[in-house]
Amino acid sequence: MNDLTIWQQLVQQTQLRWDEVVTATSVHIQLVFFSMIIATVIAVSLGILVTRVPQLKTVVLGGTGILQTIPSLALLGFMIPIFGIGVKTAIAALFLYSLLPIMRNTYTGIKEVDPATIEAARGMGMTSAQILFRVELPLSLPTIMAGIRTAAVINVGNATLAAFIGAGGLGDFIFLGITRGIDGLILLGAIPAALLAILIESLFTLIERWSTPKGLRNV
């Protein structure tokens, strides 16, 4: 095995483990998907709350910012006593890492809405809830989507560490390749993860463009 070039190893491992790659990719996507769904709901809600109660800005944004400074493996370790080893711990850790970019962009997007637009809506008799859902959120949606995109792309990479706690995913091949000294196995996990990140980046870029009002588009 070690006499083969890294690309020969990759081809050989792909042929031997193709079904495993498909399964691992599916698990990887599920880890990212479920953590992002939970994070989006909670982070957007907290971002809205902070715009309504400015006193909470330091505590909420500061607290989630601190979470970003904790190394991924350490955070997974902290989650194990709570959720045990496996998928739940991986999703919990990915969820926590997703909070800051989504929450910060939600707050920024809403705060950047033109005050004159809000005043006009208020002058038309809209309630605070109507202004939020019909004016502020639609106008801030591109910024919010950018935060979700950033979190999703980061999570694709972080999800590879789920292999260290038995949660599966593409990180299994990376971990196995490191322990066995087979570079082709490492690529077998790294390449699909990178392609998945690129795919998610492209998808959210299209969604951001679609969600941006025509008058605000650059092109």
N, C-alpha and C. Protein backbone atom coordinates (compact mmCIF):
# COMPACT_ATOMS: atom_id res chain seq x y z
N MET A 1 0.84 -1.21 0.00
CA MET A 1 0.00 0.00 0.00
C MET A 1 0.87 1.25 0.00
N ASN A 2 1.92 1.27 0.84
CA ASN A 2 2.76 2.45 0.95
C ASN A 2 3.60 2.68 -0.29
N ASP A 3 3.73 1.63 -1.17
CA ASP A 3 4.50 1.79 -2.40
C ASP A 3 3.70 2.53 -3.46
N LEU A 4 2.40 2.64 -3.29
CA LEU A 4 1.55 3.33 -4.24
C LEU A 4 1.64 4.83 -4.02
N THR A 5 1.43 5.60 -5.10
CA THR A 5 1.35 7.05 -4.95
C THR A 5 0.05 7.40 -4.24
N ILE A 6 -0.02 8.63 -3.75
CA ILE A 6 -1.20 9.05 -3.02
C ILE A 6 -2.46 8.99 -3.87
N TRP A 7 -2.32 9.29 -5.18
CA TRP A 7 -3.49 9.26 -6.06
C TRP A 7 -3.89 7.82 -6.39
N GLN A 8 -2.91 6.94 -6.49
CA GLN A 8 -3.23 5.53 -6.68
C GLN A 8 -3.94 4.97 -5.45
N GLN A 9 -3.48 5.40 -4.29
CA GLN A 9 -4.14 5.00 -3.06
C GLN A 9 -5.59 5.49 -3.03
N LEU A 10 -5.77 6.73 -3.47
CA LEU A 10 -7.12 7.31 -3.48
C LEU A 10 -8.04 6.51 -4.39
N VAL A 11 -7.56 6.21 -5.58
CA VAL A 11 -8.37 5.44 -6.53
C VAL A 11 -8.70 4.06 -5.96
N GLN A 12 -7.70 3.42 -5.39
CA GLN A 12 -7.89 2.08 -4.83
C GLN A 12 -8.89 2.10 -3.69
N GLN A 13 -8.74 3.07 -2.78
CA GLN A 13 -9.63 3.16 -1.63
C GLN A 13 -11.06 3.52 -2.05
N THR A 14 -11.16 4.34 -3.09
CA THR A 14 -12.49 4.71 -3.59
C THR A 14 -13.20 3.48 -4.14
N GLN A 15 -12.47 2.67 -4.88
CA GLN A 15 -13.05 1.45 -5.43
C GLN A 15 -13.47 0.48 -4.33
N LEU A 16 -12.64 0.38 -3.30
CA LEU A 16 -12.93 -0.56 -2.21
C LEU A 16 -14.04 -0.07 -1.28
N ARG A 17 -14.15 1.25 -1.12
CA ARG A 17 -15.02 1.78 -0.08
C ARG A 17 -16.11 2.72 -0.62
N TRP A 18 -16.46 2.59 -1.88
CA TRP A 18 -17.41 3.53 -2.46
C TRP A 18 -18.73 3.57 -1.70
N ASP A 19 -19.27 2.42 -1.33
CA ASP A 19 -20.53 2.38 -0.59
C ASP A 19 -20.38 3.07 0.77
N GLU A 20 -19.22 2.90 1.38
CA GLU A 20 -18.97 3.55 2.67
C GLU A 20 -18.89 5.06 2.50
N VAL A 21 -18.31 5.50 1.39
CA VAL A 21 -18.21 6.95 1.12
C VAL A 21 -19.60 7.57 0.99
N VAL A 22 -20.47 6.88 0.26
CA VAL A 22 -21.83 7.38 0.08
C VAL A 22 -22.55 7.47 1.41
N THR A 23 -22.42 6.42 2.23
CA THR A 23 -23.06 6.41 3.55
C THR A 23 -22.48 7.51 4.45
N ALA A 24 -21.16 7.64 4.45
CA ALA A 24 -20.50 8.65 5.29
C ALA A 24 -20.89 10.06 4.86
N THR A 25 -21.00 10.28 3.55
CA THR A 25 -21.40 11.59 3.05
C THR A 25 -22.82 11.92 3.50
N SER A 26 -23.69 10.92 3.45
CA SER A 26 -25.07 11.11 3.91
C SER A 26 -25.11 11.48 5.39
N VAL A 27 -24.32 10.78 6.20
CA VAL A 27 -24.26 11.09 7.63
C VAL A 27 -23.71 12.49 7.84
N HIS A 28 -22.67 12.84 7.09
CA HIS A 28 -22.05 14.16 7.20
C HIS A 28 -23.07 15.27 6.91
N ILE A 29 -23.83 15.08 5.84
CA ILE A 29 -24.85 16.07 5.47
C ILE A 29 -25.91 16.19 6.56
N GLN A 30 -26.30 15.06 7.13
CA GLN A 30 -27.31 15.09 8.19
C GLN A 30 -26.81 15.82 9.43
N LEU A 31 -25.55 15.61 9.79
CA LEU A 31 -24.98 16.32 10.94
C LEU A 31 -25.03 17.83 10.73
N VAL A 32 -24.63 18.26 9.54
CA VAL A 32 -24.63 19.69 9.22
C VAL A 32 -26.06 20.21 9.14
N PHE A 33 -26.94 19.46 8.48
CA PHE A 33 -28.31 19.91 8.26
C PHE A 33 -29.05 20.13 9.57
N PHE A 34 -29.06 19.12 10.43
CA PHE A 34 -29.83 19.23 11.67
C PHE A 34 -29.26 20.28 12.63
N SER A 35 -27.94 20.37 12.70
CA SER A 35 -27.34 21.39 13.55
C SER A 35 -27.66 22.79 13.03
N MET A 36 -27.70 22.94 11.69
CA MET A 36 -27.98 24.25 11.10
C MET A 36 -29.45 24.64 11.27
N ILE A 37 -30.35 23.68 11.18
CA ILE A 37 -31.77 23.98 11.38
C ILE A 37 -32.00 24.52 12.78
N ILE A 38 -31.46 23.81 13.77
CA ILE A 38 -31.63 24.24 15.17
C ILE A 38 -30.96 25.59 15.40
N ALA A 39 -29.74 25.73 14.89
CA ALA A 39 -28.99 26.98 15.09
C ALA A 39 -29.68 28.16 14.43
N THR A 40 -30.22 27.96 13.24
CA THR A 40 -30.87 29.06 12.52
C THR A 40 -32.09 29.56 13.29
N VAL A 41 -32.92 28.65 13.75
CA VAL A 41 -34.13 29.04 14.50
C VAL A 41 -33.76 29.81 15.76
N ILE A 42 -32.81 29.28 16.53
CA ILE A 42 -32.46 29.90 17.81
C ILE A 42 -31.65 31.18 17.60
N ALA A 43 -30.67 31.15 16.67
CA ALA A 43 -29.81 32.32 16.47
C ALA A 43 -30.58 33.50 15.89
N VAL A 44 -31.47 33.25 14.94
CA VAL A 44 -32.27 34.34 14.38
C VAL A 44 -33.18 34.92 15.46
N SER A 45 -33.77 34.05 16.27
CA SER A 45 -34.64 34.53 17.36
C SER A 45 -33.85 35.39 18.35
N LEU A 46 -32.65 34.94 18.70
CA LEU A 46 -31.82 35.71 19.62
C LEU A 46 -31.36 37.02 18.99
N GLY A 47 -31.05 36.97 17.69
CA GLY A 47 -30.64 38.20 17.00
C GLY A 47 -31.75 39.24 17.01
N ILE A 48 -32.98 38.78 16.79
CA ILE A 48 -34.14 39.69 16.85
C ILE A 48 -34.31 40.23 18.26
N LEU A 49 -34.16 39.34 19.26
CA LEU A 49 -34.32 39.75 20.65
C LEU A 49 -33.33 40.84 21.02
N VAL A 50 -32.09 40.70 20.57
CA VAL A 50 -31.06 41.68 20.89
C VAL A 50 -31.38 43.05 20.29
N THR A 51 -32.01 43.06 19.10
CA THR A 51 -32.38 44.34 18.50
C THR A 51 -33.50 45.02 19.29
N ARG A 52 -34.30 44.22 19.97
CA ARG A 52 -35.41 44.76 20.77
C ARG A 52 -34.98 45.10 22.19
N VAL A 53 -33.98 44.39 22.69
CA VAL A 53 -33.48 44.63 24.05
C VAL A 53 -31.97 44.83 23.95
N PRO A 54 -31.52 46.04 23.60
CA PRO A 54 -30.09 46.30 23.37
C PRO A 54 -29.20 45.95 24.56
N GLN A 55 -29.77 45.96 25.77
CA GLN A 55 -28.98 45.65 26.96
C GLN A 55 -28.43 44.24 26.93
N LEU A 56 -29.06 43.37 26.13
CA LEU A 56 -28.62 41.98 26.05
C LEU A 56 -27.49 41.76 25.04
N LYS A 57 -27.16 42.79 24.27
CA LYS A 57 -26.19 42.62 23.19
C LYS A 57 -24.85 42.09 23.69
N THR A 58 -24.30 42.70 24.73
CA THR A 58 -22.99 42.30 25.23
C THR A 58 -23.00 40.87 25.74
N VAL A 59 -24.05 40.53 26.48
CA VAL A 59 -24.12 39.18 27.07
C VAL A 59 -24.32 38.12 26.00
N VAL A 60 -25.29 38.34 25.11
CA VAL A 60 -25.64 37.32 24.11
C VAL A 60 -24.54 37.17 23.05
N LEU A 61 -24.16 38.28 22.41
CA LEU A 61 -23.13 38.20 21.38
C LEU A 61 -21.77 37.86 21.97
N GLY A 62 -21.50 38.40 23.16
CA GLY A 62 -20.23 38.09 23.82
C GLY A 62 -20.14 36.62 24.20
N GLY A 63 -21.25 36.08 24.71
CA GLY A 63 -21.27 34.68 25.11
C GLY A 63 -21.05 33.74 23.95
N THR A 64 -21.74 34.01 22.83
CA THR A 64 -21.56 33.15 21.66
C THR A 64 -20.17 33.34 21.04
N GLY A 65 -19.64 34.54 21.20
CA GLY A 65 -18.28 34.79 20.71
C GLY A 65 -17.25 33.97 21.47
N ILE A 66 -17.47 33.82 22.76
CA ILE A 66 -16.56 33.01 23.58
C ILE A 66 -16.59 31.55 23.13
N LEU A 67 -17.78 31.07 22.75
CA LEU A 67 -17.89 29.68 22.28
C LEU A 67 -16.99 29.43 21.07
N GLN A 68 -16.85 30.46 20.22
CA GLN A 68 -16.03 30.32 19.01
C GLN A 68 -14.55 30.14 19.34
N THR A 69 -14.14 30.57 20.52
CA THR A 69 -12.72 30.48 20.89
C THR A 69 -12.35 29.11 21.44
N ILE A 70 -13.35 28.29 21.75
CA ILE A 70 -13.08 26.95 22.30
C ILE A 70 -12.70 26.01 21.17
N PRO A 71 -11.56 25.34 21.26
CA PRO A 71 -11.17 24.39 20.20
C PRO A 71 -12.26 23.33 19.98
N SER A 72 -12.41 22.91 18.73
CA SER A 72 -13.49 21.99 18.37
C SER A 72 -13.46 20.70 19.18
N LEU A 73 -12.27 20.10 19.29
CA LEU A 73 -12.17 18.84 20.03
C LEU A 73 -12.50 19.03 21.50
N ALA A 74 -12.09 20.17 22.06
CA ALA A 74 -12.40 20.45 23.46
C ALA A 74 -13.90 20.60 23.67
N LEU A 75 -14.56 21.28 22.73
CA LEU A 75 -16.01 21.46 22.84
C LEU A 75 -16.73 20.12 22.76
N LEU A 76 -16.26 19.26 21.85
CA LEU A 76 -16.84 17.91 21.77
C LEU A 76 -16.67 17.17 23.08
N GLY A 77 -15.50 17.34 23.68
CA GLY A 77 -15.24 16.70 24.97
C GLY A 77 -16.17 17.19 26.06
N PHE A 78 -16.44 18.50 26.05
CA PHE A 78 -17.34 19.06 27.05
C PHE A 78 -18.77 18.55 26.88
N MET A 79 -19.14 18.24 25.63
CA MET A 79 -20.50 17.79 25.35
C MET A 79 -20.74 16.33 25.71
N ILE A 80 -19.67 15.52 25.76
CA ILE A 80 -19.83 14.08 26.00
C ILE A 80 -20.52 13.76 27.32
N PRO A 81 -20.16 14.42 28.45
CA PRO A 81 -20.87 14.10 29.70
C PRO A 81 -22.36 14.43 29.65
N ILE A 82 -22.75 15.33 28.77
CA ILE A 82 -24.15 15.75 28.69
C ILE A 82 -24.94 14.85 27.74
N PHE A 83 -24.40 14.61 26.55
CA PHE A 83 -25.13 13.88 25.52
C PHE A 83 -24.58 12.48 25.23
N GLY A 84 -23.42 12.16 25.82
CA GLY A 84 -22.83 10.87 25.53
C GLY A 84 -22.03 10.89 24.24
N ILE A 85 -21.50 9.74 23.84
CA ILE A 85 -20.72 9.63 22.62
C ILE A 85 -21.64 9.35 21.45
N GLY A 86 -21.44 10.09 20.34
CA GLY A 86 -22.24 9.83 19.15
C GLY A 86 -22.81 11.06 18.50
N VAL A 87 -23.89 10.85 17.75
CA VAL A 87 -24.47 11.89 16.90
C VAL A 87 -24.97 13.10 17.69
N LYS A 88 -25.63 12.87 18.82
CA LYS A 88 -26.19 13.98 19.59
C LYS A 88 -25.12 14.97 20.01
N THR A 89 -24.00 14.46 20.44
CA THR A 89 -22.90 15.34 20.86
C THR A 89 -22.36 16.14 19.68
N ALA A 90 -22.22 15.48 18.54
CA ALA A 90 -21.71 16.17 17.34
C ALA A 90 -22.66 17.28 16.92
N ILE A 91 -23.95 17.01 16.90
CA ILE A 91 -24.94 18.02 16.51
C ILE A 91 -24.94 19.18 17.50
N ALA A 92 -24.84 18.87 18.80
CA ALA A 92 -24.82 19.92 19.82
C ALA A 92 -23.62 20.85 19.64
N ALA A 93 -22.45 20.26 19.38
CA ALA A 93 -21.25 21.07 19.21
C ALA A 93 -21.34 21.92 17.94
N LEU A 94 -21.79 21.32 16.84
CA LEU A 94 -21.93 22.07 15.59
C LEU A 94 -22.96 23.18 15.73
N PHE A 95 -24.01 22.92 16.47
CA PHE A 95 -25.03 23.94 16.74
C PHE A 95 -24.41 25.15 17.45
N LEU A 96 -23.61 24.89 18.46
CA LEU A 96 -23.00 25.99 19.22
C LEU A 96 -22.06 26.81 18.35
N TYR A 97 -21.32 26.14 17.45
CA TYR A 97 -20.40 26.86 16.57
C TYR A 97 -21.14 27.68 15.52
N SER A 98 -22.39 27.33 15.26
CA SER A 98 -23.16 28.04 14.22
C SER A 98 -23.83 29.30 14.73
N LEU A 99 -23.95 29.44 16.04
CA LEU A 99 -24.75 30.54 16.60
C LEU A 99 -24.23 31.92 16.24
N LEU A 100 -22.93 32.16 16.44
CA LEU A 100 -22.40 33.51 16.32
C LEU A 100 -22.59 34.14 14.94
N PRO A 101 -22.17 33.51 13.85
CA PRO A 101 -22.33 34.18 12.55
C PRO A 101 -23.78 34.46 12.19
N ILE A 102 -24.68 33.54 12.54
CA ILE A 102 -26.09 33.75 12.20
C ILE A 102 -26.69 34.85 13.07
N MET A 103 -26.42 34.80 14.36
CA MET A 103 -26.97 35.79 15.28
C MET A 103 -26.42 37.19 14.98
N ARG A 104 -25.12 37.28 14.75
CA ARG A 104 -24.49 38.57 14.47
C ARG A 104 -25.04 39.18 13.18
N ASN A 105 -25.21 38.36 12.16
CA ASN A 105 -25.73 38.88 10.89
C ASN A 105 -27.20 39.24 10.99
N THR A 106 -27.96 38.51 11.80
CA THR A 106 -29.36 38.87 12.01
C THR A 106 -29.45 40.24 12.68
N TYR A 107 -28.66 40.42 13.71
CA TYR A 107 -28.64 41.71 14.43
C TYR A 107 -28.20 42.83 13.49
N THR A 108 -27.10 42.62 12.76
CA THR A 108 -26.58 43.64 11.86
C THR A 108 -27.56 43.97 10.75
N GLY A 109 -28.16 42.94 10.17
CA GLY A 109 -29.09 43.15 9.07
C GLY A 109 -30.29 43.97 9.47
N ILE A 110 -30.86 43.67 10.64
CA ILE A 110 -32.03 44.41 11.11
C ILE A 110 -31.66 45.85 11.47
N LYS A 111 -30.51 46.02 12.13
CA LYS A 111 -30.10 47.36 12.54
C LYS A 111 -29.76 48.26 11.36
N GLU A 112 -29.41 47.65 10.22
CA GLU A 112 -29.04 48.44 9.05
C GLU A 112 -30.22 48.83 8.18
N VAL A 113 -31.42 48.37 8.54
CA VAL A 113 -32.61 48.78 7.80
C VAL A 113 -32.80 50.28 7.98
N ASP A 114 -33.06 50.99 6.92
CA ASP A 114 -33.21 52.44 6.94
C ASP A 114 -34.31 52.85 7.91
N PRO A 115 -33.96 53.68 8.92
CA PRO A 115 -34.97 54.13 9.90
C PRO A 115 -36.16 54.82 9.23
N ALA A 116 -35.92 55.50 8.10
CA ALA A 116 -37.01 56.18 7.41
C ALA A 116 -38.04 55.16 6.90
N THR A 117 -37.54 53.99 6.48
CA THR A 117 -38.45 52.95 6.01
C THR A 117 -39.32 52.44 7.16
N ILE A 118 -38.70 52.28 8.32
CA ILE A 118 -39.45 51.82 9.49
C ILE A 118 -40.48 52.86 9.91
N GLU A 119 -40.08 54.13 9.88
CA GLU A 119 -41.01 55.19 10.24
C GLU A 119 -42.18 55.26 9.27
N ALA A 120 -41.90 55.04 8.00
CA ALA A 120 -42.97 55.04 7.01
C ALA A 120 -43.95 53.90 7.27
N ALA A 121 -43.41 52.74 7.61
CA ALA A 121 -44.28 51.60 7.92
C ALA A 121 -45.10 51.87 9.17
N ARG A 122 -44.47 52.49 10.15
CA ARG A 122 -45.19 52.83 11.39
C ARG A 122 -46.29 53.87 11.10
N GLY A 123 -45.98 54.80 10.19
CA GLY A 123 -46.96 55.81 9.82
C GLY A 123 -48.16 55.22 9.09
N MET A 124 -47.96 54.05 8.47
CA MET A 124 -49.06 53.38 7.78
C MET A 124 -49.92 52.56 8.74
N GLY A 125 -49.54 52.60 10.02
CA GLY A 125 -50.33 51.90 11.02
C GLY A 125 -49.89 50.49 11.32
N MET A 126 -48.71 50.09 10.83
CA MET A 126 -48.22 48.74 11.11
C MET A 126 -47.84 48.60 12.57
N THR A 127 -48.09 47.41 13.13
CA THR A 127 -47.66 47.11 14.49
C THR A 127 -46.18 46.73 14.46
N SER A 128 -45.58 46.60 15.64
CA SER A 128 -44.17 46.22 15.73
C SER A 128 -43.92 44.87 15.08
N ALA A 129 -44.85 43.93 15.30
CA ALA A 129 -44.69 42.61 14.71
C ALA A 129 -44.79 42.67 13.19
N GLN A 130 -45.71 43.46 12.68
CA GLN A 130 -45.85 43.60 11.23
C GLN A 130 -44.62 44.25 10.62
N ILE A 131 -44.07 45.24 11.30
CA ILE A 131 -42.85 45.89 10.81
C ILE A 131 -41.70 44.89 10.76
N LEU A 132 -41.61 44.05 11.78
CA LEU A 132 -40.54 43.05 11.84
C LEU A 132 -40.65 42.07 10.67
N PHE A 133 -41.84 41.49 10.50
CA PHE A 133 -41.99 40.42 9.52
C PHE A 133 -42.21 40.90 8.09
N ARG A 134 -42.72 42.12 7.92
CA ARG A 134 -42.99 42.60 6.58
C ARG A 134 -41.95 43.59 6.06
N VAL A 135 -41.17 44.17 6.97
CA VAL A 135 -40.19 45.18 6.56
C VAL A 135 -38.77 44.77 6.93
N GLU A 136 -38.52 44.63 8.23
CA GLU A 136 -37.14 44.43 8.69
C GLU A 136 -36.55 43.09 8.24
N LEU A 137 -37.27 42.00 8.48
CA LEU A 137 -36.72 40.70 8.09
C LEU A 137 -36.55 40.54 6.58
N PRO A 138 -37.53 40.94 5.77
CA PRO A 138 -37.32 40.83 4.32
C PRO A 138 -36.11 41.63 3.82
N LEU A 139 -35.93 42.84 4.36
CA LEU A 139 -34.81 43.68 3.92
C LEU A 139 -33.47 43.17 4.44
N SER A 140 -33.49 42.52 5.59
CA SER A 140 -32.24 42.02 6.17
C SER A 140 -31.95 40.57 5.78
N LEU A 141 -32.83 39.95 5.00
CA LEU A 141 -32.68 38.54 4.65
C LEU A 141 -31.36 38.22 3.97
N PRO A 142 -30.87 39.04 3.00
CA PRO A 142 -29.57 38.71 2.39
C PRO A 142 -28.43 38.65 3.41
N THR A 143 -28.44 39.56 4.38
CA THR A 143 -27.40 39.56 5.41
C THR A 143 -27.53 38.34 6.30
N ILE A 144 -28.76 37.99 6.65
CA ILE A 144 -28.99 36.80 7.47
C ILE A 144 -28.54 35.55 6.74
N MET A 145 -28.87 35.46 5.44
CA MET A 145 -28.48 34.31 4.65
C MET A 145 -26.96 34.18 4.55
N ALA A 146 -26.27 35.31 4.51
CA ALA A 146 -24.81 35.28 4.47
C ALA A 146 -24.25 34.68 5.74
N GLY A 147 -24.87 34.99 6.87
CA GLY A 147 -24.45 34.40 8.14
C GLY A 147 -24.70 32.90 8.17
N ILE A 148 -25.85 32.48 7.66
CA ILE A 148 -26.18 31.06 7.61
C ILE A 148 -25.19 30.33 6.70
N ARG A 149 -24.86 30.96 5.56
CA ARG A 149 -23.90 30.35 4.63
C ARG A 149 -22.54 30.16 5.30
N THR A 150 -22.08 31.19 5.99
CA THR A 150 -20.79 31.10 6.67
C THR A 150 -20.79 29.98 7.70
N ALA A 151 -21.86 29.90 8.49
CA ALA A 151 -21.95 28.86 9.51
C ALA A 151 -21.98 27.47 8.89
N ALA A 152 -22.71 27.32 7.79
CA ALA A 152 -22.84 26.01 7.15
C ALA A 152 -21.51 25.53 6.59
N VAL A 153 -20.78 26.43 5.94
CA VAL A 153 -19.49 26.05 5.36
C VAL A 153 -18.49 25.68 6.46
N ILE A 154 -18.49 26.45 7.54
CA ILE A 154 -17.60 26.13 8.66
C ILE A 154 -17.97 24.77 9.26
N ASN A 155 -19.26 24.50 9.35
CA ASN A 155 -19.71 23.25 9.96
C ASN A 155 -19.34 22.03 9.14
N VAL A 156 -19.26 22.18 7.83
CA VAL A 156 -18.84 21.04 7.00
C VAL A 156 -17.45 20.59 7.41
N GLY A 157 -16.57 21.54 7.65
CA GLY A 157 -15.22 21.20 8.10
C GLY A 157 -15.20 20.68 9.52
N ASN A 158 -15.91 21.34 10.42
CA ASN A 158 -15.94 20.92 11.81
C ASN A 158 -16.56 19.54 11.99
N ALA A 159 -17.49 19.19 11.11
CA ALA A 159 -18.18 17.90 11.23
C ALA A 159 -17.24 16.72 11.02
N THR A 160 -16.10 16.94 10.39
CA THR A 160 -15.15 15.84 10.20
C THR A 160 -14.61 15.36 11.56
N LEU A 161 -14.63 16.25 12.55
CA LEU A 161 -14.13 15.88 13.87
C LEU A 161 -15.10 14.97 14.62
N ALA A 162 -16.32 14.83 14.08
CA ALA A 162 -17.31 13.96 14.71
C ALA A 162 -16.82 12.52 14.76
N ALA A 163 -15.90 12.17 13.88
CA ALA A 163 -15.36 10.81 13.85
C ALA A 163 -14.67 10.46 15.16
N PHE A 164 -14.13 11.45 15.84
CA PHE A 164 -13.39 11.19 17.08
C PHE A 164 -14.31 10.81 18.23
N ILE A 165 -15.63 11.03 18.08
CA ILE A 165 -16.57 10.64 19.13
C ILE A 165 -17.59 9.63 18.61
N GLY A 166 -17.24 8.95 17.52
CA GLY A 166 -18.07 7.88 17.01
C GLY A 166 -19.36 8.32 16.36
N ALA A 167 -19.39 9.56 15.83
CA ALA A 167 -20.62 10.07 15.21
C ALA A 167 -20.65 9.80 13.71
N GLY A 168 -19.56 9.28 13.16
CA GLY A 168 -19.53 8.97 11.73
C GLY A 168 -19.23 10.18 10.87
N GLY A 169 -19.56 10.07 9.59
CA GLY A 169 -19.29 11.15 8.65
C GLY A 169 -17.97 10.92 7.92
N LEU A 170 -17.62 11.88 7.11
CA LEU A 170 -16.41 11.77 6.28
C LEU A 170 -15.13 11.80 7.10
N GLY A 171 -15.23 12.28 8.31
CA GLY A 171 -14.05 12.30 9.18
C GLY A 171 -13.55 10.90 9.52
N ASP A 172 -14.41 9.89 9.39
CA ASP A 172 -13.98 8.51 9.65
C ASP A 172 -12.81 8.12 8.76
N PHE A 173 -12.87 8.51 7.49
CA PHE A 173 -11.79 8.16 6.56
C PHE A 173 -10.51 8.92 6.89
N ILE A 174 -10.67 10.18 7.28
CA ILE A 174 -9.50 10.99 7.65
C ILE A 174 -8.82 10.40 8.87
N PHE A 175 -9.63 10.06 9.88
CA PHE A 175 -9.09 9.48 11.12
C PHE A 175 -8.43 8.14 10.84
N LEU A 176 -9.08 7.30 10.01
CA LEU A 176 -8.54 5.99 9.68
C LEU A 176 -7.25 6.14 8.87
N GLY A 177 -7.23 7.10 7.96
CA GLY A 177 -6.03 7.32 7.16
C GLY A 177 -4.85 7.77 8.00
N ILE A 178 -5.13 8.60 9.00
CA ILE A 178 -4.05 9.07 9.89
C ILE A 178 -3.50 7.92 10.72
N THR A 179 -4.40 7.13 11.29
CA THR A 179 -3.96 6.03 12.16
C THR A 179 -3.23 4.94 11.39
N ARG A 180 -3.59 4.72 10.13
CA ARG A 180 -2.96 3.66 9.33
C ARG A 180 -1.85 4.18 8.43
N GLY A 181 -1.69 5.50 8.37
CA GLY A 181 -0.66 6.07 7.52
C GLY A 181 -0.94 5.94 6.05
N ILE A 182 -2.23 6.00 5.68
CA ILE A 182 -2.63 5.88 4.27
C ILE A 182 -3.16 7.24 3.81
N ASP A 183 -2.36 7.95 3.05
CA ASP A 183 -2.75 9.29 2.62
C ASP A 183 -3.99 9.27 1.72
N GLY A 184 -4.13 8.20 0.94
CA GLY A 184 -5.29 8.10 0.07
C GLY A 184 -6.60 8.07 0.84
N LEU A 185 -6.59 7.45 2.02
CA LEU A 185 -7.77 7.42 2.87
C LEU A 185 -8.10 8.82 3.40
N ILE A 186 -7.06 9.57 3.72
CA ILE A 186 -7.27 10.94 4.20
C ILE A 186 -7.96 11.76 3.11
N LEU A 187 -7.47 11.62 1.87
CA LEU A 187 -8.09 12.33 0.75
C LEU A 187 -9.52 11.85 0.50
N LEU A 188 -9.77 10.57 0.77
CA LEU A 188 -11.09 10.01 0.55
C LEU A 188 -12.13 10.69 1.45
N GLY A 189 -11.68 11.20 2.59
CA GLY A 189 -12.58 11.96 3.45
C GLY A 189 -12.53 13.45 3.18
N ALA A 190 -11.32 13.94 2.88
CA ALA A 190 -11.13 15.38 2.72
C ALA A 190 -11.74 15.93 1.43
N ILE A 191 -11.59 15.20 0.33
CA ILE A 191 -12.08 15.71 -0.95
C ILE A 191 -13.61 15.83 -0.98
N PRO A 192 -14.37 14.80 -0.58
CA PRO A 192 -15.83 14.97 -0.55
C PRO A 192 -16.27 16.08 0.40
N ALA A 193 -15.56 16.25 1.52
CA ALA A 193 -15.91 17.32 2.46
C ALA A 193 -15.69 18.69 1.82
N ALA A 194 -14.58 18.83 1.09
CA ALA A 194 -14.29 20.09 0.41
C ALA A 194 -15.32 20.37 -0.69
N LEU A 195 -15.67 19.33 -1.44
CA LEU A 195 -16.67 19.49 -2.50
C LEU A 195 -18.03 19.85 -1.91
N LEU A 196 -18.35 19.25 -0.78
CA LEU A 196 -19.61 19.55 -0.11
C LEU A 196 -19.64 21.01 0.35
N ALA A 197 -18.52 21.49 0.87
CA ALA A 197 -18.43 22.88 1.30
C ALA A 197 -18.61 23.83 0.12
N ILE A 198 -17.98 23.50 -1.01
CA ILE A 198 -18.11 24.33 -2.21
C ILE A 198 -19.55 24.34 -2.71
N LEU A 199 -20.19 23.17 -2.67
CA LEU A 199 -21.59 23.06 -3.11
C LEU A 199 -22.50 23.91 -2.24
N ILE A 200 -22.30 23.85 -0.92
CA ILE A 200 -23.12 24.64 0.01
C ILE A 200 -22.86 26.13 -0.20
N GLU A 201 -21.60 26.49 -0.39
CA GLU A 201 -21.25 27.90 -0.65
C GLU A 201 -21.96 28.41 -1.89
N SER A 202 -21.95 27.62 -2.95
CA SER A 202 -22.59 28.02 -4.21
C SER A 202 -24.10 28.11 -4.05
N LEU A 203 -24.67 27.14 -3.35
CA LEU A 203 -26.12 27.11 -3.15
C LEU A 203 -26.60 28.33 -2.38
N PHE A 204 -25.91 28.65 -1.30
CA PHE A 204 -26.32 29.80 -0.49
C PHE A 204 -26.04 31.12 -1.20
N THR A 205 -25.01 31.15 -2.04
CA THR A 205 -24.76 32.36 -2.84
C THR A 205 -25.94 32.64 -3.76
N LEU A 206 -26.46 31.58 -4.37
CA LEU A 206 -27.64 31.73 -5.23
C LEU A 206 -28.86 32.18 -4.42
N ILE A 207 -29.02 31.60 -3.23
CA ILE A 207 -30.16 31.97 -2.38
C ILE A 207 -30.04 33.42 -1.94
N GLU A 208 -28.82 33.84 -1.59
CA GLU A 208 -28.60 35.24 -1.20
C GLU A 208 -28.97 36.17 -2.34
N ARG A 209 -28.55 35.81 -3.53
CA ARG A 209 -28.85 36.65 -4.70
C ARG A 209 -30.36 36.71 -4.94
N TRP A 210 -31.00 35.56 -4.82
CA TRP A 210 -32.45 35.50 -5.01
C TRP A 210 -33.19 36.32 -3.96
N SER A 211 -32.67 36.32 -2.73
CA SER A 211 -33.36 37.00 -1.62
C SER A 211 -33.06 38.50 -1.58
N THR A 212 -32.10 38.96 -2.38
CA THR A 212 -31.76 40.38 -2.39
C THR A 212 -32.70 41.13 -3.33
N PRO A 213 -33.36 42.19 -2.82
CA PRO A 213 -34.23 42.99 -3.69
C PRO A 213 -33.46 43.47 -4.91
N LYS A 214 -34.13 43.51 -6.06
CA LYS A 214 -33.48 43.84 -7.32
C LYS A 214 -32.74 45.18 -7.26
N GLY A 215 -33.30 46.12 -6.57
CA GLY A 215 -32.69 47.45 -6.51
C GLY A 215 -31.40 47.48 -5.71
N LEU A 216 -31.14 46.41 -4.92
CA LEU A 216 -29.94 46.38 -4.09
C LEU A 216 -28.85 45.50 -4.66
N ARG A 217 -29.14 44.82 -5.79
CA ARG A 217 -28.15 43.94 -6.39
C ARG A 217 -27.07 44.74 -7.09
N ASN A 218 -25.84 44.19 -7.04
CA ASN A 218 -24.71 44.87 -7.69
C ASN A 218 -24.80 44.77 -9.21
N VAL A 219 -25.36 43.63 -9.67
CA VAL A 219 -25.46 43.45 -11.11
C VAL A 219 -26.85 43.02 -11.45
